[in-house]
Amino acid sequence: MYDKVYRSGEIIRRSEAAVDIEDRGFQFADGIYEVVAIWNGSPFRLEEHLQRLMRSGRELDFNMPDIGWIKEECSDYLEEINCFSGDRDSYLYIQVSRGVSPRSHAYEDGLEPEIIMYARELEPKPEEYFSRGVRAILLPDERWSRCYIKSVALLPNVMAKKKAKKAGAYESILVRDGFITEGTSSNVFIVEAGEVITPPATNYILNGITRRAVLEIAEKLGFKCSRESVSRQRLLAADEVFLTGTTTEVMPVVEIDEFEIGEGSPGEITSRLQEEYWQLCR
């Protein structure tokens, strides 16, 4: 099922896939990407993912193809590998590099982008992560200032995620000038006195597709929702904290830097949003 990949118009065996040594994505991290969850054979909010991919491309002056064409290519690839059957949950990785050209920091105009896609089984997180909650640590946000672009230049995220793993934590929550931005691969929410709060989608934050879905769910359920800055102190004093993301889903956080959050167990509102999210996407 997963032994075929897509490369710029072709569906080929993974063993045949290759990247040109002068692909700018390979040499300069000059590329963008999306990760789409496929639940029960249905890509979750594919259109929103592709719209964000197009925006990232425009922001970086990529010679992007038409969104309708990309959507058709995604559909053809997923049909070829039988992802629509719903036999198992999967994720689709889409990456676009600026293209191939002789190595130079200043890129040539009009380069033909290189597009790759592949799917893999979406392995479920341990059930106790959702039922008992996870730990997180706080780290300085050392990324660039255009985090709203979903760039493949992820080395600061990679290093911070590794530090979390070494500390026995699920995620590193990033702090810039005393305020929370996001996790290395997730958005951050807090709950205060029944209000659902998340940092606003500024240039320092990727406006996650799951983040948007959870805000929609919370508002439909009648919870007051705010998009406002959250300080480190406010985060640690919150009644509840949770993370959202394509593979993270809605993940309760019960401890941060050895500080217990709330009562040290998943909160009522987090659990409600978790259940509603699962009903929406599964």
C-alpha atoms as a PDB file:
ATOM      1  CA  MET A   1       0.000   0.000   0.000  1.00  0.00           C
ATOM      2  CA  TYR A   2       2.738   2.470   0.914  1.00  0.00           C
ATOM      3  CA  ASP A   3       5.438   1.252  -1.495  1.00  0.00           C
ATOM      4  CA  LYS A   4       4.618   3.926  -4.095  1.00  0.00           C
ATOM      5  CA  VAL A   5       5.400   7.639  -3.939  1.00  0.00           C
ATOM      6  CA  TYR A   6       4.550  10.663  -6.046  1.00  0.00           C
ATOM      7  CA  ARG A   7       7.270  12.771  -7.671  1.00  0.00           C
ATOM      8  CA  SER A   8       6.363  15.712  -9.916  1.00  0.00           C
ATOM      9  CA  GLY A   9       3.654  14.056 -11.978  1.00  0.00           C
ATOM     10  CA  GLU A  10       4.761  10.444 -11.657  1.00  0.00           C
ATOM     11  CA  ILE A  11       3.743   7.674  -9.273  1.00  0.00           C
ATOM     12  CA  ILE A  12       6.745   5.425  -8.842  1.00  0.00           C
ATOM     13  CA  ARG A  13       8.152   2.781  -6.532  1.00  0.00           C
ATOM     14  CA  ARG A  14       9.755   4.217  -3.423  1.00  0.00           C
ATOM     15  CA  SER A  15      12.975   2.392  -4.349  1.00  0.00           C
ATOM     16  CA  GLU A  16      13.080   4.413  -7.583  1.00  0.00           C
ATOM     17  CA  ALA A  17      12.621   7.808  -5.924  1.00  0.00           C
ATOM     18  CA  ALA A  18      15.626  10.128  -5.895  1.00  0.00           C
ATOM     19  CA  VAL A  19      16.412  13.773  -5.143  1.00  0.00           C
ATOM     20  CA  ASP A  20      18.720  15.755  -7.397  1.00  0.00           C
ATOM     21  CA  ILE A  21      21.833  16.804  -5.502  1.00  0.00           C
ATOM     22  CA  GLU A  22      21.179  20.420  -6.547  1.00  0.00           C
ATOM     23  CA  ASP A  23      17.563  20.472  -5.486  1.00  0.00           C
ATOM     24  CA  ARG A  24      17.242  23.676  -3.458  1.00  0.00           C
ATOM     25  CA  GLY A  25      15.127  21.911  -0.867  1.00  0.00           C
ATOM     26  CA  PHE A  26      18.035  19.537  -0.275  1.00  0.00           C
ATOM     27  CA  GLN A  27      20.794  22.183  -0.225  1.00  0.00           C
ATOM     28  CA  PHE A  28      19.072  25.231   1.275  1.00  0.00           C
ATOM     29  CA  ALA A  29      15.944  23.867   3.008  1.00  0.00           C
ATOM     30  CA  ASP A  30      14.232  25.956   0.314  1.00  0.00           C
ATOM     31  CA  GLY A  31      10.946  24.104   0.528  1.00  0.00           C
ATOM     32  CA  ILE A  32       7.507  23.929   2.124  1.00  0.00           C
ATOM     33  CA  TYR A  33       5.316  21.052   3.248  1.00  0.00           C
ATOM     34  CA  GLU A  34       2.003  19.855   4.668  1.00  0.00           C
ATOM     35  CA  VAL A  35       0.943  16.758   6.603  1.00  0.00           C
ATOM     36  CA  VAL A  36      -2.667  15.631   6.108  1.00  0.00           C
ATOM     37  CA  ALA A  37      -4.388  13.046   8.312  1.00  0.00           C
ATOM     38  CA  ILE A  38      -6.532  10.467   6.504  1.00  0.00           C
ATOM     39  CA  TRP A  39      -9.195   9.109   8.850  1.00  0.00           C
ATOM     40  CA  ASN A  40     -11.391   6.242   7.643  1.00  0.00           C
ATOM     41  CA  GLY A  41     -10.301   6.875   4.067  1.00  0.00           C
ATOM     42  CA  SER A  42     -11.117  10.606   4.136  1.00  0.00           C
ATOM     43  CA  PRO A  43      -8.383  13.299   4.081  1.00  0.00           C
ATOM     44  CA  PHE A  44      -9.129  15.690   6.940  1.00  0.00           C
ATOM     45  CA  ARG A  45      -9.567  19.262   5.658  1.00  0.00           C
ATOM     46  CA  LEU A  46      -7.391  18.696   2.594  1.00  0.00           C
ATOM     47  CA  GLU A  47      -8.575  21.943   1.015  1.00  0.00           C
ATOM     48  CA  GLU A  48      -7.368  23.973   4.020  1.00  0.00           C
ATOM     49  CA  HIS A  49      -4.005  22.227   3.965  1.00  0.00           C
ATOM     50  CA  LEU A  50      -3.574  22.975   0.274  1.00  0.00           C
ATOM     51  CA  GLN A  51      -4.622  26.600   0.718  1.00  0.00           C
ATOM     52  CA  ARG A  52      -1.959  26.967   3.406  1.00  0.00           C
ATOM     53  CA  LEU A  53       0.584  25.275   1.133  1.00  0.00           C
ATOM     54  CA  MET A  54      -0.230  27.777  -1.601  1.00  0.00           C
ATOM     55  CA  ARG A  55       0.103  30.674   0.823  1.00  0.00           C
ATOM     56  CA  SER A  56       3.504  29.418   1.993  1.00  0.00           C
ATOM     57  CA  GLY A  57       4.595  29.183  -1.650  1.00  0.00           C
ATOM     58  CA  ARG A  58       3.438  32.706  -2.451  1.00  0.00           C
ATOM     59  CA  GLU A  59       5.202  34.107   0.622  1.00  0.00           C
ATOM     60  CA  LEU A  60       8.462  32.546  -0.564  1.00  0.00           C
ATOM     61  CA  ASP A  61       8.042  33.507  -4.241  1.00  0.00           C
ATOM     62  CA  PHE A  62       7.653  29.918  -5.440  1.00  0.00           C
ATOM     63  CA  ASN A  63       6.352  29.274  -8.948  1.00  0.00           C
ATOM     64  CA  MET A  64       3.372  27.346  -7.560  1.00  0.00           C
ATOM     65  CA  PRO A  65       1.003  25.325  -9.763  1.00  0.00           C
ATOM     66  CA  ASP A  66      -2.767  25.763  -9.606  1.00  0.00           C
ATOM     67  CA  ILE A  67      -4.355  24.514  -6.377  1.00  0.00           C
ATOM     68  CA  GLY A  68      -6.933  22.541  -8.341  1.00  0.00           C
ATOM     69  CA  TRP A  69      -4.167  20.645 -10.136  1.00  0.00           C
ATOM     70  CA  ILE A  70      -2.422  19.802  -6.863  1.00  0.00           C
ATOM     71  CA  LYS A  71      -5.704  18.566  -5.397  1.00  0.00           C
ATOM     72  CA  GLU A  72      -6.265  16.285  -8.395  1.00  0.00           C
ATOM     73  CA  GLU A  73      -2.719  14.932  -8.137  1.00  0.00           C
ATOM     74  CA  CYS A  74      -3.269  14.202  -4.431  1.00  0.00           C
ATOM     75  CA  SER A  75      -6.513  12.398  -5.194  1.00  0.00           C
ATOM     76  CA  ASP A  76      -4.991  10.345  -8.013  1.00  0.00           C
ATOM     77  CA  TYR A  77      -2.056   9.312  -5.833  1.00  0.00           C
ATOM     78  CA  LEU A  78      -4.222   8.359  -2.842  1.00  0.00           C
ATOM     79  CA  GLU A  79      -6.527   6.359  -5.100  1.00  0.00           C
ATOM     80  CA  GLU A  80      -3.549   4.560  -6.671  1.00  0.00           C
ATOM     81  CA  ILE A  81      -2.292   3.396  -3.272  1.00  0.00           C
ATOM     82  CA  ASN A  82      -5.806   2.563  -2.017  1.00  0.00           C
ATOM     83  CA  CYS A  83      -5.865   5.104   0.812  1.00  0.00           C
ATOM     84  CA  PHE A  84      -9.567   5.814   0.283  1.00  0.00           C
ATOM     85  CA  SER A  85     -10.525   2.290   1.318  1.00  0.00           C
ATOM     86  CA  GLY A  86     -10.467   3.186   5.010  1.00  0.00           C
ATOM     87  CA  ASP A  87      -8.683  -0.073   5.889  1.00  0.00           C
ATOM     88  CA  ARG A  88      -6.253   1.863   8.058  1.00  0.00           C
ATOM     89  CA  ASP A  89      -5.626   5.469   9.085  1.00  0.00           C
ATOM     90  CA  SER A  90      -2.805   7.163   7.205  1.00  0.00           C
ATOM     91  CA  TYR A  91      -1.076  10.475   6.780  1.00  0.00           C
ATOM     92  CA  LEU A  92      -0.114  12.171   3.526  1.00  0.00           C
ATOM     93  CA  TYR A  93       3.147  14.126   3.390  1.00  0.00           C
ATOM     94  CA  ILE A  94       3.368  16.780   0.668  1.00  0.00           C
ATOM     95  CA  GLN A  95       6.589  18.693   0.001  1.00  0.00           C
ATOM     96  CA  VAL A  96       7.350  21.361  -2.578  1.00  0.00           C
ATOM     97  CA  SER A  97      10.893  22.595  -3.178  1.00  0.00           C
ATOM     98  CA  ARG A  98      11.687  25.681  -5.237  1.00  0.00           C
ATOM     99  CA  GLY A  99      13.318  23.445  -7.818  1.00  0.00           C
ATOM    100  CA  VAL A 100      16.682  22.345  -9.185  1.00  0.00           C
ATOM    101  CA  SER A 101      19.401  24.769 -10.270  1.00  0.00           C
ATOM    102  CA  PRO A 102      23.175  25.261  -9.891  1.00  0.00           C
ATOM    103  CA  ARG A 103      23.946  26.097  -6.265  1.00  0.00           C
ATOM    104  CA  SER A 104      23.631  29.801  -5.535  1.00  0.00           C
ATOM    105  CA  HIS A 105      22.069  31.659  -2.640  1.00  0.00           C
ATOM    106  CA  ALA A 106      20.206  33.944  -5.063  1.00  0.00           C
ATOM    107  CA  TYR A 107      17.656  31.713  -6.781  1.00  0.00           C
ATOM    108  CA  GLU A 108      16.793  31.901 -10.462  1.00  0.00           C
ATOM    109  CA  ASP A 109      13.381  33.201 -11.490  1.00  0.00           C
ATOM    110  CA  GLY A 110      10.772  30.803 -12.830  1.00  0.00           C
ATOM    111  CA  LEU A 111      12.220  27.557 -11.488  1.00  0.00           C
ATOM    112  CA  GLU A 112       9.959  24.533 -11.861  1.00  0.00           C
ATOM    113  CA  PRO A 113       9.049  23.331  -8.364  1.00  0.00           C
ATOM    114  CA  GLU A 114       9.716  19.734  -7.368  1.00  0.00           C
ATOM    115  CA  ILE A 115       6.684  18.146  -5.724  1.00  0.00           C
ATOM    116  CA  ILE A 116       6.751  14.917  -3.762  1.00  0.00           C
ATOM    117  CA  MET A 117       4.046  13.073  -1.854  1.00  0.00           C
ATOM    118  CA  TYR A 118       4.000   9.881   0.110  1.00  0.00           C
ATOM    119  CA  ALA A 119       1.637   8.214   2.538  1.00  0.00           C
ATOM    120  CA  ARG A 120       2.366   6.209   5.655  1.00  0.00           C
ATOM    121  CA  GLU A 121       0.278   4.467   8.261  1.00  0.00           C
ATOM    122  CA  LEU A 122      -0.797   6.837  11.024  1.00  0.00           C
ATOM    123  CA  GLU A 123       0.140   4.926  14.109  1.00  0.00           C
ATOM    124  CA  PRO A 124      -2.095   5.796  17.061  1.00  0.00           C
ATOM    125  CA  LYS A 125      -0.602   7.458  20.120  1.00  0.00           C
ATOM    126  CA  PRO A 126      -0.729   5.393  23.322  1.00  0.00           C
ATOM    127  CA  GLU A 127      -4.204   5.601  24.833  1.00  0.00           C
ATOM    128  CA  GLU A 128      -2.811   6.743  28.178  1.00  0.00           C
ATOM    129  CA  TYR A 129      -1.471   9.937  26.558  1.00  0.00           C
ATOM    130  CA  PHE A 130      -5.074  11.027  26.030  1.00  0.00           C
ATOM    131  CA  SER A 131      -6.600   9.541  29.186  1.00  0.00           C
ATOM    132  CA  ARG A 132      -3.837  10.505  31.649  1.00  0.00           C
ATOM    133  CA  GLY A 133      -2.114  13.404  29.904  1.00  0.00           C
ATOM    134  CA  VAL A 134       1.500  14.110  28.988  1.00  0.00           C
ATOM    135  CA  ARG A 135       4.462  16.134  30.241  1.00  0.00           C
ATOM    136  CA  ALA A 136       6.013  19.121  28.482  1.00  0.00           C
ATOM    137  CA  ILE A 137       9.051  21.321  29.006  1.00  0.00           C
ATOM    138  CA  LEU A 138       9.626  25.018  28.288  1.00  0.00           C
ATOM    139  CA  LEU A 139      12.418  26.164  25.973  1.00  0.00           C
ATOM    140  CA  PRO A 140      13.405  29.458  24.328  1.00  0.00           C
ATOM    141  CA  ASP A 141      11.907  29.955  20.871  1.00  0.00           C
ATOM    142  CA  GLU A 142      14.999  30.174  18.646  1.00  0.00           C
ATOM    143  CA  ARG A 143      13.221  29.946  15.283  1.00  0.00           C
ATOM    144  CA  TRP A 144      13.042  32.593  12.559  1.00  0.00           C
ATOM    145  CA  SER A 145      10.336  35.280  12.567  1.00  0.00           C
ATOM    146  CA  ARG A 146       8.125  33.861   9.778  1.00  0.00           C
ATOM    147  CA  CYS A 147       6.763  30.775  11.490  1.00  0.00           C
ATOM    148  CA  TYR A 148       3.389  31.156   9.751  1.00  0.00           C
ATOM    149  CA  ILE A 149       5.140  29.669   6.696  1.00  0.00           C
ATOM    150  CA  LYS A 150       5.268  25.876   6.890  1.00  0.00           C
ATOM    151  CA  SER A 151       8.910  25.615   5.870  1.00  0.00           C
ATOM    152  CA  VAL A 152      11.016  22.452   5.822  1.00  0.00           C
ATOM    153  CA  ALA A 153      13.726  24.447   7.661  1.00  0.00           C
ATOM    154  CA  LEU A 154      12.900  22.751  10.971  1.00  0.00           C
ATOM    155  CA  LEU A 155      16.252  22.324  12.713  1.00  0.00           C
ATOM    156  CA  PRO A 156      15.339  24.462  15.785  1.00  0.00           C
ATOM    157  CA  ASN A 157      12.125  22.411  16.123  1.00  0.00           C
ATOM    158  CA  VAL A 158      14.056  19.165  15.740  1.00  0.00           C
ATOM    159  CA  MET A 159      16.568  20.093  18.455  1.00  0.00           C
ATOM    160  CA  ALA A 160      13.829  21.248  20.847  1.00  0.00           C
ATOM    161  CA  LYS A 161      11.809  18.077  20.264  1.00  0.00           C
ATOM    162  CA  LYS A 162      14.903  15.985  20.997  1.00  0.00           C
ATOM    163  CA  LYS A 163      15.405  17.864  24.285  1.00  0.00           C
ATOM    164  CA  ALA A 164      11.817  17.044  25.229  1.00  0.00           C
ATOM    165  CA  LYS A 165      12.376  13.376  24.464  1.00  0.00           C
ATOM    166  CA  LYS A 166      15.570  13.310  26.540  1.00  0.00           C
ATOM    167  CA  ALA A 167      13.640  14.880  29.423  1.00  0.00           C
ATOM    168  CA  GLY A 168      10.950  12.209  29.181  1.00  0.00           C
ATOM    169  CA  ALA A 169       8.407  14.734  27.909  1.00  0.00           C
ATOM    170  CA  TYR A 170       6.041  14.659  24.950  1.00  0.00           C
ATOM    171  CA  GLU A 171       6.634  18.207  23.727  1.00  0.00           C
ATOM    172  CA  SER A 172       8.700  21.364  24.144  1.00  0.00           C
ATOM    173  CA  ILE A 173       6.575  24.485  24.475  1.00  0.00           C
ATOM    174  CA  LEU A 174       8.434  27.481  23.082  1.00  0.00           C
ATOM    175  CA  VAL A 175       8.738  30.851  24.829  1.00  0.00           C
ATOM    176  CA  ARG A 176       9.647  34.157  23.150  1.00  0.00           C
ATOM    177  CA  ASP A 177      10.140  37.309  25.236  1.00  0.00           C
ATOM    178  CA  GLY A 178       8.306  35.710  28.155  1.00  0.00           C
ATOM    179  CA  PHE A 179       5.261  34.637  26.132  1.00  0.00           C
ATOM    180  CA  ILE A 180       4.209  31.268  24.753  1.00  0.00           C
ATOM    181  CA  THR A 181       4.287  30.832  20.998  1.00  0.00           C
ATOM    182  CA  GLU A 182       3.628  27.148  20.227  1.00  0.00           C
ATOM    183  CA  GLY A 183       5.075  23.654  20.515  1.00  0.00           C
ATOM    184  CA  THR A 184       7.697  22.242  18.167  1.00  0.00           C
ATOM    185  CA  SER A 185       4.928  20.512  16.186  1.00  0.00           C
ATOM    186  CA  SER A 186       1.741  21.646  17.919  1.00  0.00           C
ATOM    187  CA  ASN A 187      -0.337  24.634  18.954  1.00  0.00           C
ATOM    188  CA  VAL A 188      -0.917  25.421  22.636  1.00  0.00           C
ATOM    189  CA  PHE A 189      -4.205  26.106  24.448  1.00  0.00           C
ATOM    190  CA  ILE A 190      -5.022  26.918  28.054  1.00  0.00           C
ATOM    191  CA  VAL A 191      -8.310  26.909  29.951  1.00  0.00           C
ATOM    192  CA  GLU A 192      -8.999  29.585  32.583  1.00  0.00           C
ATOM    193  CA  ALA A 193     -12.283  29.647  34.490  1.00  0.00           C
ATOM    194  CA  GLY A 194     -14.027  27.828  31.648  1.00  0.00           C
ATOM    195  CA  GLU A 195     -12.569  30.032  28.895  1.00  0.00           C
ATOM    196  CA  VAL A 196     -10.551  28.454  26.065  1.00  0.00           C
ATOM    197  CA  ILE A 197      -7.506  30.588  25.227  1.00  0.00           C
ATOM    198  CA  THR A 198      -4.771  30.221  22.626  1.00  0.00           C
ATOM    199  CA  PRO A 199      -2.038  32.618  21.475  1.00  0.00           C
ATOM    200  CA  PRO A 200      -3.068  34.643  18.396  1.00  0.00           C
ATOM    201  CA  ALA A 201      -1.898  33.504  14.974  1.00  0.00           C
ATOM    202  CA  THR A 202       0.897  36.041  14.527  1.00  0.00           C
ATOM    203  CA  ASN A 203       4.005  35.650  12.387  1.00  0.00           C
ATOM    204  CA  TYR A 204       5.532  33.591  15.211  1.00  0.00           C
ATOM    205  CA  ILE A 205       2.840  30.909  15.070  1.00  0.00           C
ATOM    206  CA  LEU A 206       1.652  28.437  12.464  1.00  0.00           C
ATOM    207  CA  ASN A 207      -2.138  28.662  12.292  1.00  0.00           C
ATOM    208  CA  GLY A 208      -2.701  24.929  12.627  1.00  0.00           C
ATOM    209  CA  ILE A 209      -5.570  23.189  10.828  1.00  0.00           C
ATOM    210  CA  THR A 210      -6.387  21.251  14.011  1.00  0.00           C
ATOM    211  CA  ARG A 211      -6.151  24.513  15.990  1.00  0.00           C
ATOM    212  CA  ARG A 212      -8.823  26.024  13.751  1.00  0.00           C
ATOM    213  CA  ALA A 213     -11.037  22.946  14.024  1.00  0.00           C
ATOM    214  CA  VAL A 214     -10.822  22.911  17.827  1.00  0.00           C
ATOM    215  CA  LEU A 215     -11.686  26.613  18.064  1.00  0.00           C
ATOM    216  CA  GLU A 216     -14.726  25.982  15.852  1.00  0.00           C
ATOM    217  CA  ILE A 217     -15.783  23.072  18.063  1.00  0.00           C
ATOM    218  CA  ALA A 218     -15.312  25.066  21.272  1.00  0.00           C
ATOM    219  CA  GLU A 219     -17.352  27.981  19.939  1.00  0.00           C
ATOM    220  CA  LYS A 220     -20.168  25.670  18.765  1.00  0.00           C
ATOM    221  CA  LEU A 221     -20.257  24.091  22.228  1.00  0.00           C
ATOM    222  CA  GLY A 222     -20.760  27.543  23.719  1.00  0.00           C
ATOM    223  CA  PHE A 223     -17.356  27.993  25.348  1.00  0.00           C
ATOM    224  CA  LYS A 224     -15.929  31.478  25.388  1.00  0.00           C
ATOM    225  CA  CYS A 225     -12.822  31.479  23.182  1.00  0.00           C
ATOM    226  CA  SER A 226     -10.053  34.056  23.139  1.00  0.00           C
ATOM    227  CA  ARG A 227      -6.969  34.490  21.028  1.00  0.00           C
ATOM    228  CA  GLU A 228      -4.575  36.385  23.264  1.00  0.00           C
ATOM    229  CA  SER A 229      -1.016  36.352  24.513  1.00  0.00           C
ATOM    230  CA  VAL A 230      -0.193  33.823  27.224  1.00  0.00           C
ATOM    231  CA  SER A 231       2.778  34.440  29.504  1.00  0.00           C
ATOM    232  CA  ARG A 232       4.888  31.673  30.996  1.00  0.00           C
ATOM    233  CA  GLN A 233       3.394  32.389  34.414  1.00  0.00           C
ATOM    234  CA  ARG A 234      -0.150  32.289  33.061  1.00  0.00           C
ATOM    235  CA  LEU A 235       0.506  28.977  31.322  1.00  0.00           C
ATOM    236  CA  LEU A 236       1.729  27.332  34.525  1.00  0.00           C
ATOM    237  CA  ALA A 237      -1.209  28.726  36.533  1.00  0.00           C
ATOM    238  CA  ALA A 238      -3.859  27.572  34.020  1.00  0.00           C
ATOM    239  CA  ASP A 239      -6.672  25.226  35.035  1.00  0.00           C
ATOM    240  CA  GLU A 240      -6.001  23.107  31.947  1.00  0.00           C
ATOM    241  CA  VAL A 241      -3.420  22.984  29.147  1.00  0.00           C
ATOM    242  CA  PHE A 242      -3.653  21.046  25.922  1.00  0.00           C
ATOM    243  CA  LEU A 243      -1.891  20.749  22.575  1.00  0.00           C
ATOM    244  CA  THR A 244      -3.352  20.369  19.088  1.00  0.00           C
ATOM    245  CA  GLY A 245      -1.906  19.102  15.825  1.00  0.00           C
ATOM    246  CA  THR A 246      -2.463  16.708  12.927  1.00  0.00           C
ATOM    247  CA  THR A 247      -0.814  13.768  14.686  1.00  0.00           C
ATOM    248  CA  THR A 248      -1.102  15.183  18.225  1.00  0.00           C
ATOM    249  CA  GLU A 249      -4.896  15.608  17.865  1.00  0.00           C
ATOM    250  CA  VAL A 250      -6.120  17.085  21.203  1.00  0.00           C
ATOM    251  CA  MET A 251      -3.510  16.178  23.806  1.00  0.00           C
ATOM    252  CA  PRO A 252      -3.895  17.089  27.502  1.00  0.00           C
ATOM    253  CA  VAL A 253      -0.795  18.376  29.287  1.00  0.00           C
ATOM    254  CA  VAL A 254      -0.712  17.681  33.018  1.00  0.00           C
ATOM    255  CA  GLU A 255       2.836  18.734  33.910  1.00  0.00           C
ATOM    256  CA  ILE A 256       5.214  21.395  32.588  1.00  0.00           C
ATOM    257  CA  ASP A 257       8.766  21.685  33.886  1.00  0.00           C
ATOM    258  CA  GLU A 258       7.707  19.659  36.949  1.00  0.00           C
ATOM    259  CA  PHE A 259       4.851  22.088  37.679  1.00  0.00           C
ATOM    260  CA  GLU A 260       1.515  20.301  37.985  1.00  0.00           C
ATOM    261  CA  ILE A 261      -1.220  21.741  35.776  1.00  0.00           C
ATOM    262  CA  GLY A 262      -4.608  22.040  37.433  1.00  0.00           C
ATOM    263  CA  GLU A 263      -5.309  18.859  39.371  1.00  0.00           C
ATOM    264  CA  GLY A 264      -2.629  16.906  37.529  1.00  0.00           C
ATOM    265  CA  SER A 265      -5.093  15.088  35.255  1.00  0.00           C
ATOM    266  CA  PRO A 266      -6.879  15.932  31.972  1.00  0.00           C
ATOM    267  CA  GLY A 267      -9.445  18.654  32.536  1.00  0.00           C
ATOM    268  CA  GLU A 268     -13.158  18.459  31.818  1.00  0.00           C
ATOM    269  CA  ILE A 269     -13.091  20.946  28.933  1.00  0.00           C
ATOM    270  CA  THR A 270     -10.041  19.356  27.323  1.00  0.00           C
ATOM    271  CA  SER A 271     -11.723  15.946  27.485  1.00  0.00           C
ATOM    272  CA  ARG A 272     -14.927  17.339  25.976  1.00  0.00           C
ATOM    273  CA  LEU A 273     -13.054  18.966  23.094  1.00  0.00           C
ATOM    274  CA  GLN A 274     -11.079  15.764  22.595  1.00  0.00           C
ATOM    275  CA  GLU A 275     -14.242  13.691  22.220  1.00  0.00           C
ATOM    276  CA  GLU A 276     -15.898  16.188  19.894  1.00  0.00           C
ATOM    277  CA  TYR A 277     -12.780  16.369  17.745  1.00  0.00           C
ATOM    278  CA  TRP A 278     -12.658  12.594  17.400  1.00  0.00           C
ATOM    279  CA  GLN A 279     -16.310  12.564  16.363  1.00  0.00           C
ATOM    280  CA  LEU A 280     -15.573  15.218  13.746  1.00  0.00           C
ATOM    281  CA  CYS A 281     -12.602  13.547  12.100  1.00  0.00           C
ATOM    282  CA  ARG A 282     -13.316   9.857  12.655  1.00  0.00           C
END
